[in-house]
Amino acid sequence: MNPIRTTTTHDPSSLPIKDRYALLVGTVAPRPIALASTIDADGNRNLAPFSYFNVFSIDPPVLMVGPTLRGRDGGVKDTLANARINGEIVVNLVDHAMVEGASLSSSDYPADVDEFAKAGFTPVPCDTVAPFRVAEAPVAFECTITQIVSLGDGPGAGQMLVCQVQRVHIADDVLGPDGKPDAHAIDLAGRCGGNFYVRASGDALFEIPKPTGSGLAVGVDALPDHIRLHPALSANERARLGSAKVIPDETEVNEHKLIELSDIFMAHEDDPNALETELFSEAKGRLEQGDVDGAWMTLLAYNPG
């Protein structure tokens, strides 16, 4: 089993705002980025990125964006001020190709300065709301703000905008053959602590089959102790084994041993330690390839005596 980690414990209320901020955003990461478009009472466009953002409901479709009060003085940022004025917002998603511009738009420009122009983005009129969407964004959500939930009134206090989606604009080039968003094509950027970002692309993307469908997963506790406690398996590998719906029976294991594992058993018939190492290596390789049943049968074929 993996060792239990030692920890350093903090009481957030005892930390200065700056340190509390660094602790929270440096640990709750990566976070998706909402490039929020709003307008003020005079029609001036505003654009600002927020990583306190996610989807919270499907019916009705609701996103939440969390602008905070200014850390230095508790003042209200333009996005929140505009949301209070007209109750509309466009949430643009940020891909890797536009992440530098999104960061630039976070500069503390005066309210009458157009961040679209400063960041080099193209404003496009929306169908249902007055703020403009970003033409370069892979996805844009036109939203009405149904609630503004204040979590405090001091510096750094969150003000949650409950945004009900009225329209979704999605670029054709990020859709897969099935018409759904393709994780590789959408190439989203995420926010981490400090100056760090993450790119959801290439080797950073991996798949984990969901333990859904008919029947319950057997769970890690179904593994025999000599397998569950074996140091060769990581916590993720044990969990992948636990995602199986059925444990292979003895007949299946024997057949697998004769057909798939015979070379391994013959090569190490006089060296049980080498056999153990080879079988666990074989099982780990099968897990990496998504062959959970094959990994189960490989490990069950090993009998430590």
Protein backbone atom coordinates (compact mmCIF):
# COMPACT_ATOMS: atom_id res chain seq x y z
CA MET A 1 0.00 0.00 0.00
CA ASN A 2 1.06 3.60 -0.50
CA PRO A 3 2.47 5.23 2.64
CA ILE A 4 0.20 7.56 4.60
CA ARG A 5 1.40 11.12 4.07
CA THR A 6 2.45 13.43 6.86
CA THR A 7 0.76 16.83 6.76
CA THR A 8 1.20 20.46 7.74
CA THR A 9 -2.04 21.89 9.13
CA HIS A 10 -3.25 25.51 8.82
CA ASP A 11 -6.16 27.45 10.28
CA PRO A 12 -7.11 29.63 7.28
CA SER A 13 -8.52 32.34 9.51
CA SER A 14 -5.08 32.85 11.05
CA LEU A 15 -3.35 33.43 7.72
CA PRO A 16 -2.95 36.83 6.04
CA ILE A 17 -5.17 37.20 2.95
CA LYS A 18 -2.16 36.94 0.63
CA ASP A 19 -0.99 33.66 2.18
CA ARG A 20 -4.52 32.27 2.35
CA TYR A 21 -4.95 33.03 -1.36
CA ALA A 22 -1.67 31.31 -2.26
CA LEU A 23 -2.61 28.25 -0.22
CA LEU A 24 -6.07 27.82 -1.74
CA VAL A 25 -5.32 28.53 -5.41
CA GLY A 26 -2.05 26.60 -5.25
CA THR A 27 -3.83 23.47 -4.08
CA VAL A 28 -7.26 23.56 -5.74
CA ALA A 29 -5.90 23.25 -9.26
CA PRO A 30 -6.04 23.12 -12.17
CA ARG A 31 -9.16 25.28 -12.52
CA PRO A 32 -11.01 26.04 -15.78
CA ILE A 33 -10.92 29.66 -16.89
CA ALA A 34 -13.99 31.79 -17.60
CA LEU A 35 -13.15 34.80 -19.74
CA ALA A 36 -16.13 36.88 -18.66
CA SER A 37 -17.59 39.52 -20.97
CA THR A 38 -19.91 42.20 -19.55
CA ILE A 39 -20.98 45.77 -20.36
CA ASP A 40 -21.58 48.75 -18.11
CA ALA A 41 -24.52 51.18 -18.09
CA ASP A 42 -22.89 53.24 -20.86
CA GLY A 43 -22.31 50.21 -23.10
CA ASN A 44 -18.57 49.99 -22.46
CA ARG A 45 -17.24 46.47 -22.99
CA ASN A 46 -15.35 44.69 -20.22
CA LEU A 47 -13.42 41.44 -20.37
CA ALA A 48 -11.77 39.64 -17.43
CA PRO A 49 -10.60 36.07 -16.65
CA PHE A 50 -11.82 34.15 -13.61
CA SER A 51 -10.73 30.71 -12.46
CA TYR A 52 -13.33 30.52 -9.70
CA PHE A 53 -15.64 28.96 -12.26
CA ASN A 54 -17.44 25.74 -13.13
CA VAL A 55 -20.71 24.16 -14.27
CA PHE A 56 -23.17 23.41 -11.47
CA SER A 57 -26.45 22.32 -13.07
CA ILE A 58 -27.71 20.73 -16.27
CA ASP A 59 -31.46 21.36 -15.89
CA PRO A 60 -31.52 24.32 -15.78
CA PRO A 61 -28.08 24.78 -17.37
CA VAL A 62 -26.14 26.85 -14.85
CA LEU A 63 -22.54 28.03 -14.61
CA MET A 64 -21.06 29.88 -11.66
CA VAL A 65 -18.39 32.55 -11.88
CA GLY A 66 -16.86 33.91 -8.69
CA PRO A 67 -15.35 37.37 -8.87
CA THR A 68 -13.84 38.36 -5.53
CA LEU A 69 -13.71 41.76 -3.92
CA ARG A 70 -10.33 43.39 -4.41
CA GLY A 71 -7.71 41.93 -2.11
CA ARG A 72 -6.12 45.28 -1.31
CA ASP A 73 -9.20 47.28 -0.36
CA GLY A 74 -12.38 45.18 -0.77
CA GLY A 75 -13.44 47.21 -3.79
CA VAL A 76 -15.82 45.93 -6.48
CA LYS A 77 -14.31 44.77 -9.78
CA ASP A 78 -15.87 45.83 -13.09
CA THR A 79 -17.33 42.39 -13.85
CA LEU A 80 -19.29 42.33 -10.60
CA ALA A 81 -20.38 45.96 -10.96
CA ASN A 82 -21.66 45.29 -14.48
CA ALA A 83 -23.42 42.10 -13.40
CA ARG A 84 -25.29 44.07 -10.77
CA ILE A 85 -26.31 46.68 -13.35
CA ASN A 86 -27.76 44.51 -16.11
CA GLY A 87 -27.67 40.86 -15.00
CA GLU A 88 -26.03 39.52 -18.16
CA ILE A 89 -22.69 37.88 -18.89
CA VAL A 90 -20.94 35.88 -21.59
CA VAL A 91 -18.62 33.15 -20.37
CA ASN A 92 -15.94 32.42 -22.96
CA LEU A 93 -13.72 29.39 -22.51
CA VAL A 94 -9.97 29.84 -22.89
CA ASP A 95 -7.88 27.54 -25.07
CA HIS A 96 -4.10 27.48 -25.30
CA ALA A 97 -4.05 29.70 -28.39
CA MET A 98 -5.66 32.61 -26.52
CA VAL A 99 -4.40 32.15 -22.94
CA GLU A 100 -1.86 34.99 -23.12
CA GLY A 101 -4.54 37.43 -24.24
CA ALA A 102 -6.86 36.22 -21.49
CA SER A 103 -4.11 36.89 -18.95
CA LEU A 104 -3.51 40.34 -20.41
CA SER A 105 -7.19 41.20 -20.00
CA SER A 106 -6.81 40.80 -16.23
CA SER A 107 -4.89 44.08 -16.09
CA ASP A 108 -6.62 46.67 -13.91
CA TYR A 109 -7.67 49.02 -16.71
CA PRO A 110 -10.16 51.83 -16.03
CA ALA A 111 -13.83 50.90 -16.52
CA ASP A 112 -14.12 52.72 -19.85
CA VAL A 113 -11.17 50.86 -21.45
CA ASP A 114 -12.12 48.08 -23.87
CA GLU A 115 -10.21 44.91 -22.86
CA PHE A 116 -11.21 43.27 -26.15
CA ALA A 117 -8.90 45.75 -27.91
CA LYS A 118 -6.19 45.55 -25.25
CA ALA A 119 -6.09 41.73 -25.37
CA GLY A 120 -6.39 41.54 -29.17
CA PHE A 121 -9.73 39.74 -29.24
CA THR A 122 -12.64 40.21 -31.64
CA PRO A 123 -16.07 41.14 -30.18
CA VAL A 124 -19.10 39.44 -31.72
CA PRO A 125 -22.72 40.42 -30.93
CA CYS A 126 -24.74 37.81 -29.04
CA ASP A 127 -28.21 36.44 -29.76
CA THR A 128 -29.87 36.91 -26.36
CA VAL A 129 -27.71 39.20 -24.19
CA ALA A 130 -26.09 42.61 -24.63
CA PRO A 131 -22.44 41.71 -23.79
CA PHE A 132 -20.29 40.52 -26.68
CA ARG A 133 -18.71 37.11 -27.05
CA VAL A 134 -15.07 36.48 -28.02
CA ALA A 135 -14.78 35.29 -31.63
CA GLU A 136 -11.51 33.47 -30.91
CA ALA A 137 -12.95 31.40 -28.05
CA PRO A 138 -13.63 27.71 -28.68
CA VAL A 139 -16.88 27.97 -26.68
CA ALA A 140 -19.01 30.89 -25.50
CA PHE A 141 -22.04 30.77 -23.19
CA GLU A 142 -24.59 33.56 -23.28
CA CYS A 143 -26.01 33.81 -19.77
CA THR A 144 -28.47 35.70 -17.64
CA ILE A 145 -27.46 36.16 -14.01
CA THR A 146 -30.26 34.84 -11.82
CA GLN A 147 -28.56 35.37 -8.45
CA ILE A 148 -25.54 37.06 -6.94
CA VAL A 149 -24.53 35.33 -3.73
CA SER A 150 -22.21 37.30 -1.47
CA LEU A 151 -19.86 35.24 0.70
CA GLY A 152 -18.54 38.25 2.59
CA ASP A 153 -17.81 41.94 2.35
CA GLY A 154 -14.09 42.11 3.11
CA PRO A 155 -11.03 41.93 0.83
CA GLY A 156 -10.94 38.67 -1.12
CA ALA A 157 -14.57 37.73 -0.36
CA GLY A 158 -16.23 35.77 -3.15
CA GLN A 159 -19.35 37.01 -4.93
CA MET A 160 -20.89 34.09 -6.81
CA LEU A 161 -22.67 34.88 -10.06
CA VAL A 162 -25.29 32.22 -10.81
CA CYS A 163 -25.37 32.23 -14.62
CA GLN A 164 -28.19 30.48 -16.47
CA VAL A 165 -27.10 29.54 -19.99
CA GLN A 166 -29.30 30.86 -22.80
CA ARG A 167 -27.12 30.02 -25.81
CA VAL A 168 -23.97 27.96 -26.41
CA HIS A 169 -21.65 28.82 -29.30
CA ILE A 170 -19.07 26.13 -30.02
CA ALA A 171 -16.43 26.23 -32.74
CA ASP A 172 -16.89 23.56 -35.42
CA ASP A 173 -13.20 22.65 -35.31
CA VAL A 174 -13.43 21.41 -31.70
CA LEU A 175 -16.26 18.96 -32.44
CA GLY A 176 -15.51 15.28 -32.95
CA PRO A 177 -17.11 13.03 -35.60
CA ASP A 178 -19.97 12.37 -33.18
CA GLY A 179 -20.76 16.09 -32.97
CA LYS A 180 -19.62 16.30 -29.34
CA PRO A 181 -16.71 18.35 -27.97
CA ASP A 182 -13.38 16.60 -28.52
CA ALA A 183 -11.05 16.97 -25.52
CA HIS A 184 -7.95 16.91 -27.73
CA ALA A 185 -9.26 19.46 -30.20
CA ILE A 186 -10.62 21.93 -27.65
CA ASP A 187 -7.13 22.31 -26.11
CA LEU A 188 -8.29 24.16 -22.99
CA ALA A 189 -5.99 26.00 -20.59
CA GLY A 190 -6.38 25.74 -16.82
CA ARG A 191 -5.20 27.91 -13.97
CA CYS A 192 -2.86 26.77 -11.19
CA GLY A 193 -1.13 28.72 -8.42
CA GLY A 194 1.22 31.64 -8.95
CA ASN A 195 2.04 32.20 -12.62
CA PHE A 196 1.37 28.58 -13.54
CA TYR A 197 -1.13 27.27 -16.05
CA VAL A 198 -1.81 23.81 -17.44
CA ARG A 199 -2.66 22.73 -20.98
CA ALA A 200 -5.29 20.02 -21.36
CA SER A 201 -3.76 18.48 -24.45
CA GLY A 202 -1.52 15.67 -25.67
CA ASP A 203 -0.01 13.51 -22.95
CA ALA A 204 -1.79 15.56 -20.28
CA LEU A 205 -5.07 13.90 -21.32
CA PHE A 206 -5.84 10.35 -20.26
CA GLU A 207 -8.97 8.26 -19.93
CA ILE A 208 -10.44 6.42 -16.95
CA PRO A 209 -13.48 4.25 -17.71
CA LYS A 210 -16.36 5.21 -15.42
CA PRO A 211 -17.60 2.44 -13.07
CA THR A 212 -21.15 2.85 -14.37
CA GLY A 213 -23.65 0.64 -16.16
CA SER A 214 -25.26 -2.53 -14.87
CA GLY A 215 -23.81 -4.01 -11.71
CA LEU A 216 -21.55 -2.52 -9.09
CA ALA A 217 -17.76 -2.48 -9.24
CA VAL A 218 -16.22 -5.14 -7.00
CA GLY A 219 -13.99 -2.60 -5.25
CA VAL A 220 -10.39 -2.70 -4.04
CA ASP A 221 -11.41 -4.69 -0.97
CA ALA A 222 -12.32 -7.63 -3.24
CA LEU A 223 -8.65 -8.15 -4.13
CA PRO A 224 -6.96 -11.04 -2.32
CA ASP A 225 -4.54 -9.70 0.29
CA HIS A 226 -1.45 -10.99 -1.49
CA ILE A 227 -2.47 -8.85 -4.49
CA ARG A 228 -4.01 -5.85 -2.71
CA LEU A 229 -1.01 -5.38 -0.43
CA HIS A 230 1.66 -6.09 -3.04
CA PRO A 231 4.12 -3.17 -3.33
CA ALA A 232 4.29 -3.48 -7.13
CA LEU A 233 0.78 -2.08 -7.51
CA SER A 234 0.01 1.62 -7.20
CA ALA A 235 -3.18 2.99 -5.64
CA ASN A 236 -4.48 3.80 -9.13
CA GLU A 237 -3.75 0.28 -10.37
CA ARG A 238 -5.57 -1.26 -7.41
CA ALA A 239 -8.52 1.03 -8.08
CA ARG A 240 -8.53 0.05 -11.75
CA LEU A 241 -8.69 -3.63 -10.70
CA GLY A 242 -11.48 -2.72 -8.28
CA SER A 243 -13.49 -1.19 -11.15
CA ALA A 244 -14.24 -4.67 -12.56
CA LYS A 245 -17.86 -5.77 -12.30
CA VAL A 246 -17.05 -9.50 -12.00
CA ILE A 247 -14.07 -11.42 -10.65
CA PRO A 248 -12.90 -14.07 -13.15
CA ASP A 249 -13.66 -17.61 -12.01
CA GLU A 250 -11.18 -20.45 -11.64
CA THR A 251 -11.93 -21.90 -15.09
CA GLU A 252 -11.25 -18.56 -16.79
CA VAL A 253 -8.03 -18.10 -14.83
CA ASN A 254 -6.73 -21.58 -15.70
CA GLU A 255 -7.52 -21.08 -19.37
CA HIS A 256 -5.78 -17.70 -19.35
CA LYS A 257 -2.77 -19.29 -17.63
CA LEU A 258 -2.48 -22.05 -20.24
CA ILE A 259 -2.99 -19.80 -23.27
CA GLU A 260 -1.65 -16.38 -22.36
CA LEU A 261 0.86 -17.03 -19.59
CA SER A 262 2.41 -20.37 -20.42
CA ASP A 263 5.69 -18.85 -21.64
CA ILE A 264 6.10 -16.86 -18.44
CA PHE A 265 5.47 -19.87 -16.21
CA MET A 266 7.83 -22.07 -18.25
CA ALA A 267 10.61 -19.47 -18.25
CA HIS A 268 10.51 -19.07 -14.47
CA GLU A 269 9.37 -22.50 -13.25
CA ASP A 270 12.41 -22.78 -10.95
CA ASP A 271 12.45 -19.17 -9.76
CA PRO A 272 9.27 -18.15 -7.90
CA ASN A 273 10.56 -14.64 -7.22
CA ALA A 274 11.21 -14.00 -10.89
CA LEU A 275 7.79 -15.48 -11.72
CA GLU A 276 6.10 -13.14 -9.27
CA THR A 277 7.90 -10.11 -10.70
CA GLU A 278 7.07 -11.07 -14.26
CA LEU A 279 3.38 -11.72 -13.57
CA PHE A 280 2.89 -8.41 -11.79
CA SER A 281 4.70 -6.65 -14.63
CA GLU A 282 2.41 -8.40 -17.12
CA ALA A 283 -0.66 -7.39 -15.11
CA LYS A 284 0.47 -3.75 -14.89
CA GLY A 285 0.96 -3.68 -18.65
CA ARG A 286 -2.54 -5.03 -19.21
CA LEU A 287 -3.98 -2.38 -16.89
CA GLU A 288 -2.18 0.32 -18.83
CA GLN A 289 -3.78 -1.03 -22.00
CA GLY A 290 -7.24 -1.10 -20.40
CA ASP A 291 -7.42 -4.90 -20.15
CA VAL A 292 -8.76 -5.11 -16.59
CA ASP A 293 -10.06 -8.68 -16.93
CA GLY A 294 -6.71 -9.85 -18.30
CA ALA A 295 -4.90 -8.20 -15.41
CA TRP A 296 -7.21 -9.89 -12.89
CA MET A 297 -6.63 -13.32 -14.45
CA THR A 298 -2.89 -12.76 -14.60
CA LEU A 299 -2.70 -11.90 -10.91
CA LEU A 300 -5.06 -14.68 -9.84
CA ALA A 301 -2.83 -17.13 -11.71
CA TYR A 302 -0.08 -16.22 -9.26
CA ASN A 303 -0.16 -18.36 -6.13
CA PRO A 304 2.44 -17.34 -3.56
CA GLY A 305 2.06 -20.68 -1.81
